[in-house]
Amino acid sequence: MLVISIFFTLFPLLVCKYLHFFTSQILRLHNDSIICVFVPIGISFFTFRQIMYLVDGYRDGFRLPFEKYVIYIIFFPCITSGPIDIPHDFDAQCDLNKSILPNWDDIADGVVRLIIGYSKKLLIADSLAKLVDVCYQEYTESSTMAIVAMVAYTLQIYYDFSGYTDMAIGISNILGFHPMENFDSPYQSRTVGEFWKKWHISLTNFFSKYVYIPLGGNRCGKPRTYFNILIIFFLSGLWHGADWSFIIWGVAYGLILVAERIFKIKQDSINPLLGRVITFLIINVLWVFFRADNVNVAVSLFRQMAANCFIPLSEAAQNSVITPEIEFLVMKLHFSESLYVIWPYIFLAIAFLITQIRVNSRQICEQKLYRTKWGVVMLSVAALLSTLSFSETSGFIYWNF
C-alpha cells in the first residue's frame, strides 16, 4: 500500500515534468503534443510533503487530523519553493485550539525576516538577474562576459532562493508557525559536503531521510555508500530539471562528495581560506550547468572563459545594473561616468561580501540584533529602497522546480 500510494503521489509530477524528456531522450520520439501545459502550482513541494507524510505513517503510524493534514500539504507560504517541513514538526506547531492572541515576538521576527528577504530579492537578485540574462545572451563576445555570467548567476540564485525562504519563514512566523531553516551561509563552506549541509537544507534532509537511509546509507560498506550518494544526487539533479545539464550538475556533486570521503577531506582538516576559495570555484562552475539552456551552451561558456579575451562588459551589461540611485550619484554628485563601467564589478563584489558576513538572517532574529538603533535604521532603509525598486513582476527561480 505504501508503494502504491507513493506511485500515485509521484504520477502527476512524473507526467508534468518528465514525460516529454523520457519520450524524446529515451524513446527518441519527437512529438510536441505530449508536453504537459498544465502544471499545478507547487507540485514538487507538496509531492515531497505527501511522500514524507505517507512514509512516516507507514513507519510509526503517524496521523494528522484532516484539517491539519490539509494545512500541512498546502501551507501557502512554503508551497512553491519550500522549506519542506517534517510532518511531526509541523504537527507540534499546528494547534488548532491555541489562543488567537498574537505572539508579538514571532510577529517582530517575521516582519524582520520578510524585510530581509524582500531586500535580497528586489535590491540584489533582480538586478543580478538582468546582468545574467544579458551576459548569457552575449557571452561569446568576450571572456569577461562569460566569467561575469557565471559569477553573477552564482550570486543571483542564492539571493533569489534565500530571499524567498526568508519571506516564507517571515510570513509563517507572523502566523505563528516556525518552518525549518533552509540556508545557513552556504557560500562560507570549506568543502562541498559542508555546502550541502547549508544549501536547501530541507531538500537535503528529505533525500537523506527518505532515500539515502532506506537505500542503506553508510551501513553497507564503502562501495555501497558511494553508490547511494551518487543515487541521491542523480535524483536531486533530475528533480531540478528534465535535462542532461541538470543530471550532470547532480552527478558531478555526487562524484565530488565521494572523492571527499575517499580522500577524507573534511571542513576541519582544510585551511579555511583555501577551502572557501576552492569550494566557491566548484560551486560557480557547476551552477553553469544549472543555468545554461543545455550542455552545449555550458561547454561553450567554459571555452569562452579560456579564450583570453578580456575586454570591458558590453553597454547592455553595464546598463542592466544601473539603477536610479546610481544615476543620481553620477548626475547630481558629479561622479565620474567611468562609474558606469566599473559598477557591475563593484556590485558583484558587494553581493559576494554580503554572503561572507558572519551573521545571517536567522541569527539576526535569534539574537534580536534588529532591536538596536542601527538595526532599525538599516531595516527601514532596506524596506524603503526595496519598495521603490519594485516596478515590475518579479518571479523566483525555484518556482520552475
Foldseek 3Di string as FASTA:
>chain_A
DLVVVLCVLCVLVCQQFPPQLCCCPPVVDDDPVSHDPDDDFLSVQLSLLVNLQSVVCVPPVDDDPPVLVVCLSCVPLASQPDDRARSVQSVVQDDVPDDPDFDVLLLVLLVLLLLQLLLLFQVQLQLLVQLLVVLLVVVLVALVSLLSNLLSVLLNQVSQNQSSQSNSQSVQSRVRHHGDHQADLLLLALALVSSCCGHRPSLVVSCVPPQQVVQPACNPDLVSNLVSLQVSLQVVLVSQHSAVLSNCLSNVSSVRVSVCVVVVPDRVVDDSVNSSVVRNVVSSLSVLSVPDPHPVSSVVSVVRNVPPGDDFDDLSSLVSNCDVVNVCCCPVVVDDPCCSRCVSVVSSVVSVVVSVDNADSVNCSVVVVCPDPVNVVVSVVSSVVSVVSPDDDDDGPSSSD
